[in-house]
Amino acid sequence: MKQVPVNLSDRSYTVQIGTGIIQRTAELLADTPVAKRKRCAIISDDNVAPLHSAPVIASLTSAGIHVDLFTVPAGEASKSMDNVASLCSQMIQAGHDRQSFIIALGGGVVGDLAGFVAAIYYRGIPFVQIPTTIVSQVDSSVGGKTGVNAPEGKNLIGAFLQPATVIADVATLDTLGDREFNEGMAEAVKHAAIADPSLLDALLDLQRGDHPATEEIIARNVAIKARIVEADEKETAGTRAFLNFGHTIGHAIEAAAGYGNMFHGEAIALGIRAALYLSEKHAGLDPAFSQKVLAALQHFDLPLVLDDKPEFRDESLIPRLQRDKKSENGMPNFVLLKEPGSPVLSKFVTNTDITEAIEQLRSTY
């Protein structure tokens, strides 16, 4: 099992990565802030719970921990304030109090939702991440961002709460469909582009089902995310913003599609292509590196051309960009690459540039 530390003073924790390790959940909680707690609320979705909750519940129960399982419908639409209120009410009715802890068992949606519930339940209780998708294992389970969507945009309501630990079992990825597996790799490609260009070679060589190679790739991604979070936990110094490479236009596309109609990673792949275009134009990025990044996205069958649909017209996308939580005075800040592994934050991308980048996405790659 690989272990990657996230060093954040009294909020430090370890990301534990292995194959077949959720059967050891109680054991892996032994040295964490939840070790002595005897009541646990597992929050999952109706796809993941039937597949992966039994071994987690069995492990916890055998250690004398009372467990309640709460599920929400699978999909991005579940990241809502309505579900937050419902889950809090269910936990109260089941007898959970400030001595309980939460386990987020699922992908990024469940992690964000359950983490936000933990941040506000009884003014805050600890939680554990057990991510079961690529995107959650390489990215969203690490770093402490929790939250839900508003009708006006993605992740606009939330809080920072670092998990007590993260248990990333790559065996859970075997239950994903190909599309679900591939979409998560957009975040891995992003990490490679901004921090570890040699990771692109490992991604281009990866074959699904190779657990040791997958563990290594996840560990390298987590290490990238951990170092950035350590330097800028709450995105106040600017460096954590680098993790938004490809996300500014990507989030607008995802929101315009309607949450649940396009996978997060699929939208981010398109956003990465747009960010590479802007990086070449404004930061002098070598087009040869852009092509290697795009080849890695293609390796995982991720979309690089924006569909010609009404919801993706400029008049739909531009207002969403202006409402992006990273915007200032109605203008989004863009993360660009000046060279492989060297991101910069630019405030000089104009509306004309954005329109050009979106138009470029409509062209054949």
Protein backbone atom coordinates (compact mmCIF):
# COMPACT_ATOMS: atom_id res chain seq x y z
CA MET A 1 0.00 0.00 0.00
CA LYS A 2 1.25 3.48 -0.88
CA GLN A 3 0.85 6.36 1.53
CA VAL A 4 1.03 10.04 0.59
CA PRO A 5 1.02 12.60 3.41
CA VAL A 6 -0.80 15.91 3.21
CA ASN A 7 1.00 18.18 5.68
CA LEU A 8 -1.33 20.87 7.02
CA SER A 9 -0.34 21.31 10.67
CA ASP A 10 -3.20 20.11 12.88
CA ARG A 11 -5.25 19.26 9.76
CA SER A 12 -2.66 16.85 8.33
CA TYR A 13 -3.70 13.44 7.06
CA THR A 14 -2.54 10.55 4.92
CA VAL A 15 -3.89 9.34 1.60
CA GLN A 16 -3.76 5.54 1.62
CA ILE A 17 -3.66 3.89 -1.82
CA GLY A 18 -3.86 0.18 -2.53
CA THR A 19 -5.81 -2.70 -4.04
CA GLY A 20 -8.53 -4.42 -2.01
CA ILE A 21 -8.08 -2.19 1.02
CA ILE A 22 -11.67 -1.12 1.79
CA GLN A 23 -12.10 -4.46 3.55
CA ARG A 24 -9.63 -3.04 6.08
CA THR A 25 -11.43 0.28 6.61
CA ALA A 26 -11.59 0.10 10.42
CA GLU A 27 -7.89 -0.82 10.60
CA LEU A 28 -6.96 2.08 8.32
CA LEU A 29 -8.82 4.52 10.59
CA ALA A 30 -6.78 3.48 13.64
CA ASP A 31 -4.36 6.42 13.63
CA THR A 32 -6.81 9.09 12.50
CA PRO A 33 -8.97 11.64 14.37
CA VAL A 34 -12.01 9.35 14.08
CA ALA A 35 -10.31 6.32 15.64
CA LYS A 36 -12.29 6.34 18.91
CA ARG A 37 -15.66 7.35 17.51
CA LYS A 38 -18.32 4.66 17.60
CA ARG A 39 -21.05 6.03 15.33
CA CYS A 40 -20.61 6.45 11.58
CA ALA A 41 -22.89 7.77 8.85
CA ILE A 42 -21.88 6.47 5.43
CA ILE A 43 -23.12 8.74 2.64
CA SER A 44 -23.10 7.12 -0.78
CA ASP A 45 -25.17 7.01 -3.96
CA ASP A 46 -27.51 4.40 -5.33
CA ASN A 47 -24.90 3.12 -7.79
CA VAL A 48 -21.94 2.82 -5.44
CA ALA A 49 -23.65 1.64 -2.26
CA PRO A 50 -24.77 -1.75 -3.65
CA LEU A 51 -21.26 -2.36 -5.03
CA HIS A 52 -18.96 -1.24 -2.22
CA SER A 53 -20.76 -0.49 1.05
CA ALA A 54 -20.92 -4.09 2.38
CA PRO A 55 -17.18 -4.58 3.04
CA VAL A 56 -16.91 -1.11 4.59
CA ILE A 57 -19.89 -1.74 6.87
CA ALA A 58 -18.60 -5.20 7.80
CA SER A 59 -15.18 -3.84 8.73
CA LEU A 60 -16.60 -1.03 10.84
CA THR A 61 -19.20 -3.22 12.54
CA SER A 62 -16.57 -5.80 13.48
CA ALA A 63 -14.67 -2.99 15.20
CA GLY A 64 -17.72 -2.08 17.30
CA ILE A 65 -18.79 0.95 15.28
CA HIS A 66 -22.51 1.54 14.72
CA VAL A 67 -23.13 2.31 11.04
CA ASP A 68 -26.03 3.94 9.20
CA LEU A 69 -26.03 4.07 5.40
CA PHE A 70 -27.65 7.01 3.61
CA THR A 71 -27.87 7.20 -0.17
CA VAL A 72 -28.68 9.83 -2.76
CA PRO A 73 -29.37 9.38 -6.48
CA ALA A 74 -26.19 9.02 -8.52
CA GLY A 75 -25.18 12.04 -10.59
CA GLU A 76 -24.19 15.69 -10.40
CA ALA A 77 -27.77 16.79 -9.75
CA SER A 78 -27.47 15.37 -6.21
CA LYS A 79 -25.02 18.13 -5.25
CA SER A 80 -27.85 20.35 -4.03
CA MET A 81 -28.89 22.17 -0.88
CA ASP A 82 -32.06 20.08 -0.85
CA ASN A 83 -29.98 16.93 -0.42
CA VAL A 84 -27.84 18.59 2.24
CA ALA A 85 -30.96 19.40 4.26
CA SER A 86 -32.40 15.93 3.73
CA LEU A 87 -29.21 14.15 4.80
CA CYS A 88 -28.87 16.30 7.91
CA SER A 89 -32.46 15.53 8.88
CA GLN A 90 -31.97 11.80 8.32
CA MET A 91 -28.82 11.79 10.44
CA ILE A 92 -30.54 13.67 13.27
CA GLN A 93 -33.46 11.25 13.21
CA ALA A 94 -31.03 8.31 13.29
CA GLY A 95 -29.40 9.68 16.44
CA HIS A 96 -26.12 11.03 15.10
CA ASP A 97 -24.53 13.85 17.06
CA ARG A 98 -21.21 15.67 17.26
CA GLN A 99 -19.46 12.46 18.32
CA SER A 100 -20.33 10.76 15.02
CA PHE A 101 -18.26 10.84 11.87
CA ILE A 102 -19.12 10.61 8.19
CA ILE A 103 -17.66 8.43 5.46
CA ALA A 104 -18.04 9.68 1.90
CA LEU A 105 -18.21 6.50 -0.18
CA GLY A 106 -18.34 7.30 -3.88
CA GLY A 107 -17.09 9.66 -6.53
CA GLY A 108 -16.56 13.38 -6.54
CA VAL A 109 -20.25 14.21 -6.19
CA VAL A 110 -20.60 12.13 -3.03
CA GLY A 111 -17.31 13.44 -1.65
CA ASP A 112 -18.29 17.07 -2.15
CA LEU A 113 -21.81 16.53 -0.80
CA ALA A 114 -20.87 14.41 2.22
CA GLY A 115 -17.95 16.67 3.04
CA PHE A 116 -20.21 19.71 3.08
CA VAL A 117 -22.70 17.90 5.32
CA ALA A 118 -19.81 17.09 7.66
CA ALA A 119 -18.67 20.73 7.63
CA ILE A 120 -22.03 22.02 8.85
CA TYR A 121 -23.58 19.12 10.81
CA TYR A 122 -23.64 20.12 14.49
CA ARG A 123 -21.28 22.92 13.35
CA GLY A 124 -18.83 20.37 12.03
CA ILE A 125 -17.89 16.72 12.51
CA PRO A 126 -14.94 14.82 10.95
CA PHE A 127 -15.24 12.83 7.76
CA VAL A 128 -13.34 10.21 5.80
CA GLN A 129 -13.07 9.98 2.03
CA ILE A 130 -13.33 6.58 0.34
CA PRO A 131 -13.25 7.63 -3.33
CA THR A 132 -14.41 5.09 -5.91
CA THR A 133 -13.80 6.91 -9.20
CA ILE A 134 -10.67 8.07 -10.98
CA VAL A 135 -11.51 11.75 -10.66
CA SER A 136 -12.12 11.45 -6.93
CA GLN A 137 -9.02 9.32 -6.28
CA VAL A 138 -6.61 11.56 -8.20
CA ASP A 139 -8.16 14.91 -7.36
CA SER A 140 -11.37 15.77 -5.55
CA SER A 141 -10.95 13.61 -2.42
CA VAL A 142 -7.75 15.47 -1.52
CA GLY A 143 -7.61 19.10 -0.50
CA GLY A 144 -10.65 19.80 1.65
CA LYS A 145 -12.93 21.52 -0.82
CA THR A 146 -16.54 20.54 -0.20
CA GLY A 147 -19.77 21.95 -1.52
CA VAL A 148 -22.81 21.83 -3.74
CA ASN A 149 -24.01 23.51 -6.90
CA ALA A 150 -26.33 26.47 -7.28
CA PRO A 151 -28.62 26.88 -10.29
CA GLU A 152 -26.29 29.69 -11.37
CA GLY A 153 -23.09 27.64 -11.34
CA LYS A 154 -21.01 24.75 -10.10
CA ASN A 155 -19.61 24.57 -6.54
CA LEU A 156 -20.76 28.06 -5.58
CA ILE A 157 -21.89 26.96 -2.08
CA GLY A 158 -19.35 25.19 0.09
CA ALA A 159 -16.74 25.10 2.82
CA PHE A 160 -13.19 23.91 3.45
CA LEU A 161 -12.93 20.76 5.56
CA GLN A 162 -9.95 18.45 5.29
CA PRO A 163 -10.74 14.72 5.62
CA ALA A 164 -9.40 12.66 8.52
CA THR A 165 -7.92 10.30 5.94
CA VAL A 166 -8.46 9.16 2.36
CA ILE A 167 -8.69 5.45 1.51
CA ALA A 168 -8.25 5.01 -2.25
CA ASP A 169 -8.86 1.40 -3.31
CA VAL A 170 -8.04 0.97 -6.99
CA ALA A 171 -10.03 -2.29 -7.07
CA THR A 172 -13.21 -0.20 -6.85
CA LEU A 173 -12.34 1.27 -10.24
CA ASP A 174 -12.92 -2.13 -11.85
CA THR A 175 -16.68 -1.60 -11.49
CA LEU A 176 -16.66 1.60 -13.56
CA GLY A 177 -17.83 1.65 -17.14
CA ASP A 178 -15.26 2.70 -19.72
CA ARG A 179 -16.69 6.19 -20.03
CA GLU A 180 -16.66 6.68 -16.25
CA PHE A 181 -13.09 5.39 -16.01
CA ASN A 182 -11.84 7.56 -18.84
CA GLU A 183 -13.44 10.82 -17.76
CA GLY A 184 -11.50 10.85 -14.52
CA MET A 185 -8.23 10.76 -16.39
CA ALA A 186 -8.80 14.35 -17.53
CA GLU A 187 -7.73 15.46 -14.05
CA ALA A 188 -4.62 13.26 -14.23
CA VAL A 189 -3.71 14.83 -17.58
CA LYS A 190 -4.24 18.26 -16.03
CA HIS A 191 -1.87 17.46 -13.17
CA ALA A 192 0.74 16.23 -15.63
CA ALA A 193 0.46 19.42 -17.69
CA ILE A 194 0.84 21.81 -14.75
CA ALA A 195 3.29 19.94 -12.52
CA ASP A 196 4.79 16.69 -13.86
CA PRO A 197 5.08 16.50 -17.66
CA SER A 198 6.75 13.06 -17.46
CA LEU A 199 3.47 11.73 -16.06
CA LEU A 200 2.02 12.09 -19.57
CA ASP A 201 4.18 9.17 -20.72
CA ALA A 202 2.84 6.94 -17.94
CA LEU A 203 -0.72 7.94 -18.84
CA LEU A 204 -0.15 7.21 -22.51
CA ASP A 205 1.14 3.74 -21.54
CA LEU A 206 -1.62 2.93 -19.04
CA GLN A 207 -3.85 -0.03 -19.81
CA ARG A 208 -7.02 -0.44 -17.83
CA GLY A 209 -6.88 -3.24 -15.27
CA ASP A 210 -3.18 -2.82 -14.49
CA HIS A 211 -3.56 -2.26 -10.75
CA PRO A 212 0.13 -1.63 -9.91
CA ALA A 213 0.45 0.96 -12.69
CA THR A 214 -2.83 2.55 -11.64
CA GLU A 215 -1.70 2.75 -8.01
CA GLU A 216 1.51 4.46 -9.11
CA ILE A 217 -0.35 6.98 -11.28
CA ILE A 218 -2.82 7.77 -8.50
CA ALA A 219 -0.01 8.21 -5.98
CA ARG A 220 1.83 10.60 -8.32
CA ASN A 221 -1.35 12.61 -8.85
CA VAL A 222 -2.12 12.76 -5.14
CA ALA A 223 1.43 13.93 -4.42
CA ILE A 224 0.99 16.78 -6.92
CA LYS A 225 -2.32 17.78 -5.40
CA ALA A 226 -0.96 17.49 -1.85
CA ARG A 227 2.03 19.75 -2.47
CA ILE A 228 -0.17 22.43 -4.06
CA VAL A 229 -2.72 22.25 -1.23
CA GLU A 230 0.05 22.48 1.37
CA ALA A 231 1.31 25.67 -0.25
CA ASP A 232 -2.11 27.30 -0.60
CA GLU A 233 -4.79 25.45 1.36
CA LYS A 234 -7.60 27.97 0.91
CA GLU A 235 -6.61 29.42 -2.45
CA THR A 236 -5.42 32.71 -1.02
CA ALA A 237 -1.80 32.69 -2.25
CA GLY A 238 -2.61 31.98 -5.88
CA THR A 239 -0.80 28.67 -6.35
CA ARG A 240 -3.84 26.48 -5.65
CA ALA A 241 -5.58 28.27 -8.48
CA PHE A 242 -3.22 26.42 -10.83
CA LEU A 243 -5.38 23.33 -10.24
CA ASN A 244 -8.08 25.15 -12.21
CA PHE A 245 -6.21 24.67 -15.49
CA GLY A 246 -8.88 23.79 -18.05
CA HIS A 247 -11.68 24.32 -15.55
CA THR A 248 -12.78 27.88 -16.34
CA ILE A 249 -14.31 27.12 -19.72
CA GLY A 250 -14.78 23.47 -18.73
CA HIS A 251 -17.09 24.33 -15.85
CA ALA A 252 -19.12 26.64 -18.08
CA ILE A 253 -19.57 23.84 -20.62
CA GLU A 254 -20.53 21.37 -17.89
CA ALA A 255 -23.09 23.75 -16.43
CA ALA A 256 -24.53 24.66 -19.84
CA ALA A 257 -24.96 20.98 -20.68
CA GLY A 258 -27.08 20.55 -17.58
CA TYR A 259 -25.58 18.77 -14.60
CA GLY A 260 -25.46 15.06 -15.23
CA ASN A 261 -25.67 15.32 -19.01
CA MET A 262 -21.90 15.59 -19.48
CA PHE A 263 -19.30 14.02 -17.23
CA HIS A 264 -17.03 16.45 -15.41
CA GLY A 265 -13.88 15.08 -17.02
CA GLU A 266 -15.40 15.31 -20.49
CA ALA A 267 -16.09 19.00 -19.98
CA ILE A 268 -12.62 19.51 -18.50
CA ALA A 269 -11.00 17.85 -21.53
CA LEU A 270 -12.64 20.50 -23.69
CA GLY A 271 -11.58 23.17 -21.22
CA ILE A 272 -7.99 21.92 -21.37
CA ARG A 273 -7.97 22.20 -25.16
CA ALA A 274 -9.22 25.79 -24.87
CA ALA A 275 -6.64 26.58 -22.17
CA LEU A 276 -3.84 25.19 -24.34
CA TYR A 277 -4.98 27.43 -27.21
CA LEU A 278 -4.92 30.46 -24.92
CA SER A 279 -1.55 29.37 -23.50
CA GLU A 280 -0.02 29.30 -26.96
CA LYS A 281 -1.49 32.72 -27.75
CA HIS A 282 -0.72 34.54 -24.48
CA ALA A 283 2.02 32.61 -22.69
CA GLY A 284 4.14 31.28 -25.53
CA LEU A 285 3.50 27.59 -24.89
CA ASP A 286 5.18 25.30 -27.41
CA PRO A 287 2.43 23.80 -29.63
CA ALA A 288 4.28 20.47 -29.56
CA PHE A 289 3.52 20.16 -25.84
CA SER A 290 -0.12 21.03 -26.47
CA GLN A 291 -0.27 18.17 -28.95
CA LYS A 292 1.15 15.73 -26.40
CA VAL A 293 -1.42 16.79 -23.80
CA LEU A 294 -4.21 16.41 -26.35
CA ALA A 295 -2.86 12.99 -27.34
CA ALA A 296 -3.13 11.89 -23.71
CA LEU A 297 -6.75 13.06 -23.60
CA GLN A 298 -7.42 11.16 -26.83
CA HIS A 299 -5.83 8.04 -25.32
CA PHE A 300 -8.76 8.00 -22.91
CA ASP A 301 -11.36 8.74 -25.62
CA LEU A 302 -12.15 12.14 -24.15
CA PRO A 303 -13.96 14.71 -26.32
CA LEU A 304 -11.96 17.51 -27.89
CA VAL A 305 -14.66 19.01 -30.12
CA LEU A 306 -17.62 20.93 -28.72
CA ASP A 307 -20.98 19.80 -30.05
CA ASP A 308 -22.94 22.30 -32.11
CA LYS A 309 -25.89 22.53 -29.75
CA PRO A 310 -27.90 25.59 -28.66
CA GLU A 311 -26.78 25.24 -25.04
CA PHE A 312 -23.15 25.64 -26.10
CA ARG A 313 -23.59 28.89 -28.00
CA ASP A 314 -21.59 31.89 -26.85
CA GLU A 315 -24.63 33.59 -25.34
CA SER A 316 -25.02 30.61 -23.00
CA LEU A 317 -21.37 30.03 -22.12
CA ILE A 318 -20.06 33.59 -21.67
CA PRO A 319 -22.46 34.57 -18.81
CA ARG A 320 -21.55 31.36 -17.01
CA LEU A 321 -17.88 32.24 -17.28
CA GLN A 322 -18.58 35.65 -15.77
CA ARG A 323 -20.29 34.02 -12.78
CA ASP A 324 -17.42 31.59 -12.22
CA LYS A 325 -16.34 31.68 -8.57
CA LYS A 326 -12.80 32.56 -9.67
CA SER A 327 -13.97 35.64 -11.58
CA GLU A 328 -13.18 39.20 -10.53
CA ASN A 329 -15.43 42.04 -11.65
CA GLY A 330 -17.13 39.73 -14.12
CA MET A 331 -13.87 38.59 -15.78
CA PRO A 332 -12.49 35.11 -15.11
CA ASN A 333 -8.86 34.54 -14.23
CA PHE A 334 -7.32 31.96 -16.54
CA VAL A 335 -4.61 29.46 -15.69
CA LEU A 336 -2.22 29.25 -18.64
CA LEU A 337 0.97 27.31 -19.31
CA LYS A 338 4.09 29.18 -20.34
CA GLU A 339 5.98 25.89 -20.68
CA PRO A 340 5.45 22.26 -19.59
CA GLY A 341 4.86 22.13 -15.84
CA SER A 342 4.97 25.92 -15.43
CA PRO A 343 1.49 27.44 -15.01
CA VAL A 344 0.75 31.15 -14.62
CA LEU A 345 -2.39 33.02 -13.63
CA SER A 346 -3.45 35.52 -16.28
CA LYS A 347 -5.88 38.42 -15.98
CA PHE A 348 -5.27 39.49 -19.55
CA VAL A 349 -7.55 37.04 -21.38
CA THR A 350 -10.22 39.17 -23.03
CA ASN A 351 -13.76 38.35 -24.07
CA THR A 352 -12.49 38.24 -27.64
CA ASP A 353 -9.90 35.64 -26.62
CA ILE A 354 -12.56 33.58 -24.86
CA THR A 355 -14.81 33.70 -27.91
CA GLU A 356 -11.90 32.60 -30.10
CA ALA A 357 -11.07 29.72 -27.76
CA ILE A 358 -14.66 28.51 -27.73
CA GLU A 359 -14.85 28.79 -31.52
CA GLN A 360 -11.66 26.79 -31.78
CA LEU A 361 -13.32 24.03 -29.76
CA ARG A 362 -15.93 23.76 -32.48
CA SER A 363 -13.27 22.95 -35.06
CA THR A 364 -12.19 19.41 -35.86
CA TYR A 365 -9.18 18.11 -34.00
